[in-house]
């Protein structure tokens, strides 16, 4: 009897395992996909913050001025802005798995090239290669999840990925400072190699190959016009400080304006332009896009300028300055749970008006940092900036994209991503240039940093005037989780 019962149970278990095997395999495949995309997003998020605390050490090793290191950050973010629109088309044309594999490969090769650089120019070129790979990690990862999961599973998947994006900025500054202080700055790039190697194996093993045979043609001309506009505009803002010639800057501004205006008639005639002009008929998209650009220019200068201020003027070591960034990261992570209730109660317009003022005021508060300022006051200002800035990003992202139709959502999201990365580069470029201008004018680096934080805070405050033009959004609407 016992033998029969045992055999019956084994047969039943075998049949059950056969019945559920496809579902279990599918579940395992989905889990692996989520980990692959999360790792890619983690590498991208980590690399945007881990470099900042190492900039003074890199500058000493490469015999360059610390503020000249802004080109390392700008090269990476601007490259990501340029190549992000092509990521979706590349995935359609050549397959998600193939393109994602190439993206990680380029990112790892770029990281090795960064660690091997002996001059600033070499490091900038290596960062460009890194940026090409990094520009495709998150968009293609999100696309792979969208094609594999739907409904609540897709929302849950995005929530998991957003956690990876939050962990990167938390670990980045501290990890970068620890590497520099305990080893050398080269390790802030070499850490990407083992992570990338695991990602490459997982992509080959688990990611589906879903190329679309009849993928629509890519708008290379439209992409070229907008890319020329962004590059010329970024160089124009950096040119007066680097060359001391306003004529170069003026010429670059003209190039940027001509290429931007040339895109308008081109897009009207083109059947499938890179970005349809109809996107701007949605009022909140236009207002949100401009508000995002202005606000992020001010707040994006902070992660670049603060570690430099702490190490160059306050005498902090790399690890100490990295640890000082933790209140920003932790407060930003905790505040995300408040945003939905606040927007639901006060509406996007009122919330953004008040929260923008708090972000701008906290940036101006960084001008108070000095050796005599109590540590607790510094931590309060850092935490206030982290909490308000995190809620600002979530609200701005949501109000900009929520009114777009399903047809325009993909194109609008790509343009929005370009503007985000452009704003980061502009914030670093403008913030670093202002420090150099004020330092040259007053002969003091401390004054240069203080006045620069004051200016960037005012820029952020001005974005509040832009958000006043928002249509009064329904108070019941709550922002969905979105990447920074």
Protein backbone atom coordinates (compact mmCIF):
# COMPACT_ATOMS: atom_id res chain seq x y z
CA UNK A 1 0.00 0.00 0.00
CA UNK A 2 2.80 2.29 0.90
CA UNK A 3 4.63 1.51 -2.35
CA UNK A 4 1.50 2.17 -4.40
CA UNK A 5 0.90 5.48 -2.64
CA UNK A 6 4.50 6.52 -3.25
CA UNK A 7 4.31 5.61 -6.94
CA UNK A 8 1.00 7.48 -7.29
CA UNK A 9 2.45 10.59 -5.68
CA UNK A 10 5.52 10.44 -7.94
CA UNK A 11 3.36 10.04 -11.05
CA UNK A 12 1.11 12.91 -9.98
CA UNK A 13 4.11 15.11 -9.25
CA UNK A 14 5.65 14.27 -12.63
CA UNK A 15 2.41 15.07 -14.44
CA UNK A 16 2.03 18.30 -12.46
CA UNK A 17 5.59 19.33 -13.24
CA UNK A 18 4.98 18.70 -16.94
CA UNK A 19 1.78 20.76 -16.78
CA UNK A 20 3.41 23.72 -15.07
CA UNK A 21 6.80 23.50 -16.78
CA UNK A 22 5.93 26.00 -19.57
CA UNK A 23 4.59 28.47 -17.01
CA UNK A 24 7.63 28.07 -14.78
CA UNK A 25 9.97 28.48 -17.75
CA UNK A 26 8.08 31.60 -18.80
CA UNK A 27 8.26 33.00 -15.27
CA UNK A 28 12.00 32.31 -15.08
CA UNK A 29 12.50 34.00 -18.44
CA UNK A 30 10.60 37.10 -17.26
CA UNK A 31 12.61 37.23 -14.04
CA UNK A 32 15.88 36.98 -15.96
CA UNK A 33 14.73 39.74 -18.32
CA UNK A 34 13.97 42.04 -15.39
CA UNK A 35 17.40 41.42 -13.86
CA UNK A 36 19.11 42.08 -17.20
CA UNK A 37 17.35 45.42 -17.67
CA UNK A 38 17.84 46.36 -14.00
CA UNK A 39 21.59 45.68 -14.23
CA UNK A 40 21.82 47.80 -17.40
CA UNK A 41 19.94 50.67 -15.76
CA UNK A 42 22.10 50.31 -12.63
CA UNK A 43 25.31 50.63 -14.68
CA UNK A 44 23.97 53.72 -16.45
CA UNK A 45 22.72 55.37 -13.24
CA UNK A 46 25.91 54.50 -11.34
CA UNK A 47 28.15 55.94 -14.02
CA UNK A 48 26.39 59.32 -14.04
CA UNK A 49 27.23 59.87 -10.34
CA UNK A 50 30.31 57.82 -9.50
CA UNK A 51 32.58 60.11 -11.53
CA UNK A 52 31.74 63.36 -9.71
CA UNK A 53 33.63 62.70 -6.46
CA UNK A 54 36.69 61.52 -8.40
CA UNK A 55 37.05 64.61 -10.61
CA UNK A 56 39.73 66.43 -8.54
CA UNK A 57 41.85 63.25 -8.38
CA UNK A 58 41.45 62.65 -12.12
CA UNK A 59 42.41 66.27 -12.79
CA UNK A 60 45.62 65.94 -10.74
CA UNK A 61 46.58 62.70 -12.49
CA UNK A 62 45.91 64.12 -15.97
CA UNK A 63 47.56 67.48 -15.15
CA UNK A 64 44.36 69.43 -15.85
CA UNK A 65 42.32 72.01 -13.94
CA UNK A 66 39.52 70.46 -11.82
CA UNK A 67 36.82 72.61 -13.41
CA UNK A 68 38.00 71.54 -16.87
CA UNK A 69 36.68 68.10 -15.91
CA UNK A 70 33.18 69.28 -16.81
CA UNK A 71 33.89 68.09 -20.35
CA UNK A 72 33.99 64.50 -19.03
CA UNK A 73 30.41 64.78 -17.79
CA UNK A 74 29.12 66.84 -20.72
CA UNK A 75 30.58 64.45 -23.30
CA UNK A 76 28.78 61.50 -21.69
CA UNK A 77 25.37 63.14 -21.25
CA UNK A 78 25.36 64.89 -24.62
CA UNK A 79 26.25 61.66 -26.41
CA UNK A 80 23.39 59.91 -24.65
CA UNK A 81 21.02 62.66 -25.76
CA UNK A 82 22.15 62.34 -29.38
CA UNK A 83 21.81 58.56 -29.65
CA UNK A 84 18.69 57.94 -27.55
CA UNK A 85 16.18 58.57 -30.41
CA UNK A 86 17.80 55.89 -32.57
CA UNK A 87 17.62 53.16 -29.92
CA UNK A 88 14.03 52.13 -30.62
CA UNK A 89 14.59 51.93 -34.39
CA UNK A 90 17.79 49.91 -33.94
CA UNK A 91 15.93 47.42 -31.74
CA UNK A 92 13.19 47.07 -34.36
CA UNK A 93 15.63 46.73 -37.22
CA UNK A 94 18.24 44.40 -35.71
CA UNK A 95 16.49 42.84 -32.69
CA UNK A 96 16.42 43.65 -29.01
CA UNK A 97 18.93 41.00 -27.98
CA UNK A 98 21.50 41.93 -30.63
CA UNK A 99 21.36 45.68 -29.98
CA UNK A 100 21.33 45.31 -26.19
CA UNK A 101 24.37 43.04 -26.43
CA UNK A 102 26.19 45.64 -28.54
CA UNK A 103 25.16 48.42 -26.12
CA UNK A 104 26.68 46.62 -23.11
CA UNK A 105 29.77 45.74 -25.14
CA UNK A 106 30.32 49.39 -26.12
CA UNK A 107 29.75 50.48 -22.53
CA UNK A 108 32.33 48.00 -21.21
CA UNK A 109 34.88 48.87 -23.93
CA UNK A 110 34.31 52.55 -23.19
CA UNK A 111 34.88 51.90 -19.48
CA UNK A 112 38.17 50.14 -20.21
CA UNK A 113 39.21 53.02 -22.46
CA UNK A 114 38.37 55.51 -19.67
CA UNK A 115 40.53 53.59 -17.20
CA UNK A 116 43.39 53.52 -19.76
CA UNK A 117 43.25 57.24 -20.61
CA UNK A 118 46.43 59.28 -20.07
CA UNK A 119 45.14 62.67 -21.22
CA UNK A 120 41.91 64.61 -20.82
CA UNK A 121 41.17 64.38 -24.55
CA UNK A 122 41.52 60.59 -24.44
CA UNK A 123 39.18 60.40 -21.47
CA UNK A 124 36.58 62.58 -23.20
CA UNK A 125 36.64 60.36 -26.30
CA UNK A 126 36.29 57.26 -24.12
CA UNK A 127 33.30 58.85 -22.38
CA UNK A 128 31.70 59.41 -25.77
CA UNK A 129 32.01 55.69 -26.48
CA UNK A 130 30.52 54.97 -23.06
CA UNK A 131 27.66 57.34 -23.81
CA UNK A 132 26.81 55.57 -27.07
CA UNK A 133 26.39 52.31 -25.20
CA UNK A 134 24.64 53.90 -22.23
CA UNK A 135 22.11 55.70 -24.43
CA UNK A 136 20.59 52.36 -25.46
CA UNK A 137 20.54 50.51 -22.14
CA UNK A 138 17.38 51.91 -20.55
CA UNK A 139 15.22 52.61 -23.67
CA UNK A 140 15.81 49.18 -25.20
CA UNK A 141 15.41 47.48 -21.83
CA UNK A 142 12.03 49.16 -21.34
CA UNK A 143 11.06 48.19 -24.89
CA UNK A 144 11.97 44.53 -24.26
CA UNK A 145 9.81 44.50 -21.12
CA UNK A 146 6.91 46.21 -22.91
CA UNK A 147 6.95 43.55 -25.64
CA UNK A 148 7.09 40.71 -23.11
CA UNK A 149 4.75 41.90 -20.33
CA UNK A 150 1.47 43.78 -20.27
CA UNK A 151 -0.89 45.37 -17.76
CA UNK A 152 -0.03 45.17 -14.08
CA UNK A 153 3.01 43.00 -14.78
CA UNK A 154 4.50 45.81 -16.88
CA UNK A 155 3.88 48.42 -14.14
CA UNK A 156 5.45 46.14 -11.52
CA UNK A 157 8.42 45.52 -13.81
CA UNK A 158 9.03 49.27 -14.22
CA UNK A 159 8.84 49.69 -10.44
CA UNK A 160 11.58 47.08 -9.99
CA UNK A 161 13.76 48.76 -12.61
CA UNK A 162 13.29 52.15 -10.93
CA UNK A 163 14.78 50.65 -7.74
CA UNK A 164 17.97 49.87 -9.67
CA UNK A 165 18.00 53.46 -10.88
CA UNK A 166 17.72 54.70 -7.29
CA UNK A 167 20.46 52.43 -5.94
CA UNK A 168 22.97 53.72 -8.51
CA UNK A 169 22.89 57.37 -7.37
CA UNK A 170 22.97 56.26 -3.71
CA UNK A 171 26.08 54.13 -4.13
CA UNK A 172 27.77 56.22 -6.83
CA UNK A 173 29.30 59.19 -4.96
CA UNK A 174 30.35 57.15 -1.92
CA UNK A 175 31.71 54.28 -3.99
CA UNK A 176 33.61 56.72 -6.21
CA UNK A 177 35.13 58.46 -3.20
CA UNK A 178 36.11 55.13 -1.63
CA UNK A 179 37.77 53.88 -4.83
CA UNK A 180 39.76 57.09 -5.19
CA UNK A 181 40.84 57.20 -1.55
CA UNK A 182 41.60 53.47 -1.14
CA UNK A 183 42.80 52.56 -4.64
CA UNK A 184 42.90 54.82 -7.74
CA UNK A 185 40.28 56.65 -9.78
CA UNK A 186 40.63 54.05 -12.54
CA UNK A 187 38.45 51.66 -10.53
CA UNK A 188 35.37 53.84 -10.94
CA UNK A 189 35.39 52.68 -14.56
CA UNK A 190 36.84 49.19 -14.11
CA UNK A 191 33.92 48.20 -11.87
CA UNK A 192 31.73 48.20 -14.97
CA UNK A 193 33.73 45.35 -16.52
CA UNK A 194 32.60 42.44 -14.28
CA UNK A 195 29.04 43.80 -14.13
CA UNK A 196 29.00 44.09 -17.92
CA UNK A 197 30.43 40.59 -18.36
CA UNK A 198 27.57 39.10 -16.32
CA UNK A 199 25.11 41.19 -18.33
CA UNK A 200 26.51 39.97 -21.66
CA UNK A 201 26.15 36.33 -20.63
CA UNK A 202 22.59 36.91 -19.42
CA UNK A 203 21.61 38.71 -22.64
CA UNK A 204 22.84 35.81 -24.79
CA UNK A 205 21.14 33.31 -22.50
CA UNK A 206 17.76 34.86 -21.73
CA UNK A 207 16.88 37.90 -23.87
CA UNK A 208 14.51 37.15 -26.79
CA UNK A 209 15.44 38.08 -30.36
CA UNK A 210 12.50 40.01 -31.79
CA UNK A 211 13.64 41.92 -34.87
CA UNK A 212 10.89 43.40 -37.04
CA UNK A 213 11.52 42.59 -40.68
CA UNK A 214 9.68 45.62 -42.06
CA UNK A 215 10.86 48.24 -39.60
CA UNK A 216 9.99 51.81 -40.69
CA UNK A 217 12.88 53.90 -42.06
CA UNK A 218 14.75 56.06 -39.60
CA UNK A 219 14.74 59.85 -40.05
CA UNK A 220 18.48 60.44 -40.30
CA UNK A 221 18.08 63.99 -41.63
CA UNK A 222 15.77 65.07 -38.80
CA UNK A 223 18.02 63.44 -36.22
CA UNK A 224 21.03 65.19 -37.77
CA UNK A 225 19.36 68.62 -37.58
CA UNK A 226 18.39 68.24 -33.93
CA UNK A 227 21.77 66.75 -33.04
CA UNK A 228 23.54 69.69 -34.68
CA UNK A 229 21.30 72.05 -32.71
CA UNK A 230 22.12 70.39 -29.37
CA UNK A 231 25.86 70.13 -29.99
CA UNK A 232 26.18 73.71 -31.24
CA UNK A 233 24.09 75.08 -28.37
CA UNK A 234 26.14 73.18 -25.76
CA UNK A 235 29.45 74.30 -27.25
CA UNK A 236 28.21 77.88 -27.50
CA UNK A 237 27.61 78.03 -23.76
CA UNK A 238 31.04 76.56 -23.07
CA UNK A 239 32.96 78.48 -25.71
CA UNK A 240 33.40 81.92 -24.06
CA UNK A 241 35.18 80.45 -21.04
CA UNK A 242 37.27 77.97 -22.98
CA UNK A 243 38.30 80.26 -25.85
CA UNK A 244 37.71 83.77 -24.41
CA UNK A 245 36.15 84.72 -27.75
CA UNK A 246 32.49 85.74 -27.83
CA UNK A 247 32.46 85.54 -31.64
CA UNK A 248 32.83 81.76 -31.55
CA UNK A 249 29.94 81.49 -29.11
CA UNK A 250 27.74 83.77 -31.23
CA UNK A 251 28.45 81.74 -34.37
CA UNK A 252 27.55 78.51 -32.58
CA UNK A 253 24.30 80.02 -31.31
CA UNK A 254 23.42 80.95 -34.89
CA UNK A 255 24.14 77.40 -36.07
CA UNK A 256 21.94 76.01 -33.29
CA UNK A 257 19.06 78.36 -34.14
CA UNK A 258 19.26 77.73 -37.90
CA UNK A 259 19.27 73.93 -37.47
CA UNK A 260 16.33 74.09 -35.03
CA UNK A 261 14.22 76.30 -37.31
CA UNK A 262 15.17 74.20 -40.35
CA UNK A 263 13.63 71.16 -38.67
CA UNK A 264 10.14 72.76 -38.57
CA UNK A 265 9.46 72.94 -42.36
CA UNK A 266 11.29 69.65 -42.82
CA UNK A 267 9.05 67.88 -40.28
CA UNK A 268 5.93 69.31 -41.92
CA UNK A 269 6.87 67.85 -45.29
CA UNK A 270 8.23 64.54 -43.97
CA UNK A 271 5.71 61.72 -43.73
CA UNK A 272 7.38 60.07 -40.73
CA UNK A 273 9.66 62.64 -39.09
CA UNK A 274 11.76 61.89 -36.03
CA UNK A 275 9.35 63.93 -33.89
CA UNK A 276 5.92 65.00 -35.15
CA UNK A 277 5.13 68.66 -34.64
CA UNK A 278 1.68 67.56 -33.44
CA UNK A 279 3.35 66.72 -30.12
CA UNK A 280 3.44 70.41 -29.29
CA UNK A 281 -0.31 70.79 -29.72
CA UNK A 282 -0.63 69.17 -26.30
CA UNK A 283 -0.20 72.28 -24.08
CA UNK A 284 1.17 70.54 -21.02
CA UNK A 285 3.77 68.69 -23.11
CA UNK A 286 5.19 71.95 -24.45
CA UNK A 287 5.12 73.69 -21.07
CA UNK A 288 6.48 70.62 -19.27
CA UNK A 289 9.30 70.22 -21.78
CA UNK A 290 10.46 73.84 -21.37
CA UNK A 291 9.99 73.72 -17.60
CA UNK A 292 11.98 70.49 -17.39
CA UNK A 293 14.82 71.98 -19.39
CA UNK A 294 15.09 75.14 -17.28
CA UNK A 295 14.62 73.41 -13.92
CA UNK A 296 17.04 70.57 -14.65
CA UNK A 297 19.74 73.00 -15.80
CA UNK A 298 19.80 74.43 -12.29
CA UNK A 299 19.52 71.17 -10.34
CA UNK A 300 21.89 69.20 -12.59
CA UNK A 301 24.77 71.51 -11.71
CA UNK A 302 24.58 70.44 -8.05
CA UNK A 303 26.03 66.88 -8.28
CA UNK A 304 28.94 68.32 -10.28
CA UNK A 305 29.69 71.42 -8.21
CA UNK A 306 29.14 70.10 -4.67
CA UNK A 307 31.97 67.50 -4.60
CA UNK A 308 34.32 70.07 -6.16
CA UNK A 309 33.35 72.68 -3.55
CA UNK A 310 33.86 70.20 -0.71
CA UNK A 311 37.24 68.97 -1.89
CA UNK A 312 38.72 72.16 -3.31
CA UNK A 313 37.41 74.74 -0.82
CA UNK A 314 36.27 72.90 2.34
CA UNK A 315 39.18 70.46 2.55
CA UNK A 316 37.11 67.24 2.44
CA UNK A 317 38.64 64.01 1.16
CA UNK A 318 37.04 62.07 -1.73
CA UNK A 319 35.31 59.58 0.58
CA UNK A 320 34.08 62.32 2.92
CA UNK A 321 32.59 64.30 0.05
CA UNK A 322 30.96 61.13 -1.30
CA UNK A 323 29.38 60.38 2.09
CA UNK A 324 28.02 63.93 2.18
CA UNK A 325 25.94 63.10 -0.90
CA UNK A 326 24.06 60.35 0.95
CA UNK A 327 21.44 62.69 2.52
CA UNK A 328 20.46 63.77 -1.01
CA UNK A 329 20.03 60.18 -2.20
CA UNK A 330 18.22 58.85 0.87
CA UNK A 331 15.87 61.82 1.16
CA UNK A 332 15.09 61.54 -2.55
CA UNK A 333 14.23 57.86 -2.21
CA UNK A 334 12.00 58.39 0.83
CA UNK A 335 10.13 61.36 -0.64
CA UNK A 336 8.90 59.42 -3.68
CA UNK A 337 6.08 57.95 -1.59
CA UNK A 338 4.70 61.43 -0.84
CA UNK A 339 4.37 62.72 -4.37
CA UNK A 340 1.14 60.95 -5.38
CA UNK A 341 -0.82 62.21 -2.38
CA UNK A 342 0.48 65.78 -2.68
CA UNK A 343 -0.34 66.06 -6.37
CA UNK A 344 -3.77 64.52 -5.82
CA UNK A 345 -4.52 67.07 -3.10
CA UNK A 346 -3.07 70.25 -4.56
CA UNK A 347 -2.85 69.60 -8.32
CA UNK A 348 0.23 69.68 -10.54
CA UNK A 349 0.20 73.47 -10.99
CA UNK A 350 0.17 74.39 -7.29
CA UNK A 351 2.52 71.60 -6.30
CA UNK A 352 5.14 72.45 -8.93
CA UNK A 353 4.94 76.16 -8.12
CA UNK A 354 5.74 75.58 -4.42
CA UNK A 355 8.15 72.66 -4.85
CA UNK A 356 10.15 74.50 -7.54
CA UNK A 357 10.65 77.36 -5.08
CA UNK A 358 11.94 74.89 -2.47
CA UNK A 359 14.36 73.29 -4.95
CA UNK A 360 15.69 76.69 -6.00
CA UNK A 361 16.00 77.85 -2.39
CA UNK A 362 17.94 74.73 -1.39
CA UNK A 363 20.37 75.25 -4.29
CA UNK A 364 20.91 78.82 -3.14
CA UNK A 365 21.44 77.37 0.35
CA UNK A 366 24.55 75.56 -0.89
CA UNK A 367 26.18 78.99 -1.21
CA UNK A 368 26.25 79.05 2.61
CA UNK A 369 28.56 76.03 2.83
CA UNK A 370 31.81 76.99 4.55
CA UNK A 371 34.19 75.52 7.15
CA UNK A 372 32.29 77.39 9.87
CA UNK A 373 28.81 76.15 8.94
CA UNK A 374 27.59 73.45 11.38
CA UNK A 375 27.41 69.95 9.91
CA UNK A 376 23.77 69.51 10.90
CA UNK A 377 22.80 72.59 8.85
CA UNK A 378 24.63 71.20 5.82
CA UNK A 379 22.81 67.86 6.17
CA UNK A 380 19.42 69.60 6.45
CA UNK A 381 20.06 71.60 3.26
CA UNK A 382 21.28 68.48 1.43
CA UNK A 383 18.24 66.45 2.55
CA UNK A 384 15.83 69.25 1.61
CA UNK A 385 17.32 69.43 -1.87
CA UNK A 386 17.23 65.64 -2.27
CA UNK A 387 13.59 65.29 -1.20
CA UNK A 388 12.23 68.24 -3.18
CA UNK A 389 14.33 67.52 -6.27
CA UNK A 390 13.17 63.89 -6.37
CA UNK A 391 9.50 64.92 -6.14
CA UNK A 392 10.13 67.61 -8.73
CA UNK A 393 11.43 65.06 -11.24
CA UNK A 394 8.48 62.72 -10.68
CA UNK A 395 5.89 65.48 -11.05
CA UNK A 396 7.58 67.07 -14.08
CA UNK A 397 7.91 63.70 -15.83
CA UNK A 398 4.28 62.83 -15.26
CA UNK A 399 2.68 66.13 -16.19
CA UNK A 400 4.74 66.37 -19.37
CA UNK A 401 3.81 62.94 -20.75
CA UNK A 402 0.41 62.12 -19.30
CA UNK A 403 -1.61 64.08 -21.88
CA UNK A 404 -0.07 62.43 -24.96
CA UNK A 405 -2.06 59.96 -27.00
CA UNK A 406 -0.95 56.34 -27.34
CA UNK A 407 0.16 57.15 -30.88
CA UNK A 408 2.43 60.00 -29.73
CA UNK A 409 3.61 58.50 -26.43
CA UNK A 410 6.72 56.77 -27.83
CA UNK A 411 7.89 59.78 -29.83
CA UNK A 412 7.15 62.16 -26.97
CA UNK A 413 9.04 60.01 -24.49
CA UNK A 414 12.10 59.93 -26.78
CA UNK A 415 12.10 63.71 -27.17
CA UNK A 416 11.62 64.10 -23.44
CA UNK A 417 14.60 61.81 -22.76
CA UNK A 418 16.74 63.89 -25.12
CA UNK A 419 15.80 67.10 -23.30
CA UNK A 420 16.59 65.50 -19.92
CA UNK A 421 20.09 64.46 -20.95
CA UNK A 422 20.69 67.80 -22.70
CA UNK A 423 19.69 69.65 -19.53
CA UNK A 424 22.17 67.65 -17.44
CA UNK A 425 24.99 68.55 -19.82
CA UNK A 426 23.95 72.20 -19.93
CA UNK A 427 23.72 72.39 -16.14
CA UNK A 428 27.25 71.04 -15.71
CA UNK A 429 28.62 73.25 -18.49
CA UNK A 430 26.95 76.45 -17.27
CA UNK A 431 27.69 75.77 -13.59
CA UNK A 432 31.36 75.03 -14.23
CA UNK A 433 31.74 78.04 -16.53
CA UNK A 434 30.19 80.38 -13.97
CA UNK A 435 32.63 79.23 -11.29
CA UNK A 436 35.55 80.00 -13.60
CA UNK A 437 34.15 83.41 -14.57
CA UNK A 438 33.48 84.48 -10.97
CA UNK A 439 36.78 83.08 -9.73
CA UNK A 440 38.63 85.05 -12.40
CA UNK A 441 36.61 88.17 -11.59
CA UNK A 442 36.97 88.11 -7.78
CA UNK A 443 40.15 86.07 -7.39
CA UNK A 444 38.54 83.58 -5.02
CA UNK A 445 37.37 80.04 -5.70
CA UNK A 446 35.03 80.09 -2.69
CA UNK A 447 33.27 83.19 -4.00
CA UNK A 448 33.10 81.62 -7.44
CA UNK A 449 31.25 78.57 -6.07
CA UNK A 450 28.89 80.66 -3.92
CA UNK A 451 27.86 82.95 -6.73
CA UNK A 452 27.46 80.00 -9.08
CA UNK A 453 25.08 78.24 -6.68
CA UNK A 454 23.18 81.50 -6.34
CA UNK A 455 22.82 81.80 -10.13
CA UNK A 456 21.79 78.17 -10.61
CA UNK A 457 19.23 78.51 -7.84
CA UNK A 458 17.74 81.57 -9.56
CA UNK A 459 17.58 79.64 -12.85
CA UNK A 460 15.61 76.91 -11.10
CA UNK A 461 13.27 79.47 -9.55
CA UNK A 462 12.57 80.90 -13.01
CA UNK A 463 11.21 77.52 -14.12
CA UNK A 464 8.36 78.09 -11.66
CA UNK A 465 7.13 80.86 -13.97
CA UNK A 466 6.99 78.31 -16.78
CA UNK A 467 4.94 75.84 -14.72
CA UNK A 468 2.36 78.56 -14.02
CA UNK A 469 1.24 78.11 -17.62
CA UNK A 470 0.19 74.50 -17.05
CA UNK A 471 -3.43 73.60 -17.69
CA UNK A 472 -5.12 72.90 -14.38
CA UNK A 473 -4.63 69.11 -14.21
CA UNK A 474 -7.28 66.94 -12.53
CA UNK A 475 -6.49 66.59 -8.82
CA UNK A 476 -7.30 62.89 -8.93
CA UNK A 477 -4.40 62.22 -11.27
CA UNK A 478 -1.25 60.91 -9.66
CA UNK A 479 2.19 60.66 -11.24
CA UNK A 480 3.29 57.23 -12.34
CA UNK A 481 6.80 56.01 -11.46
CA UNK A 482 9.26 57.31 -14.01
CA UNK A 483 12.97 57.24 -14.53
CA UNK A 484 14.86 60.38 -13.61
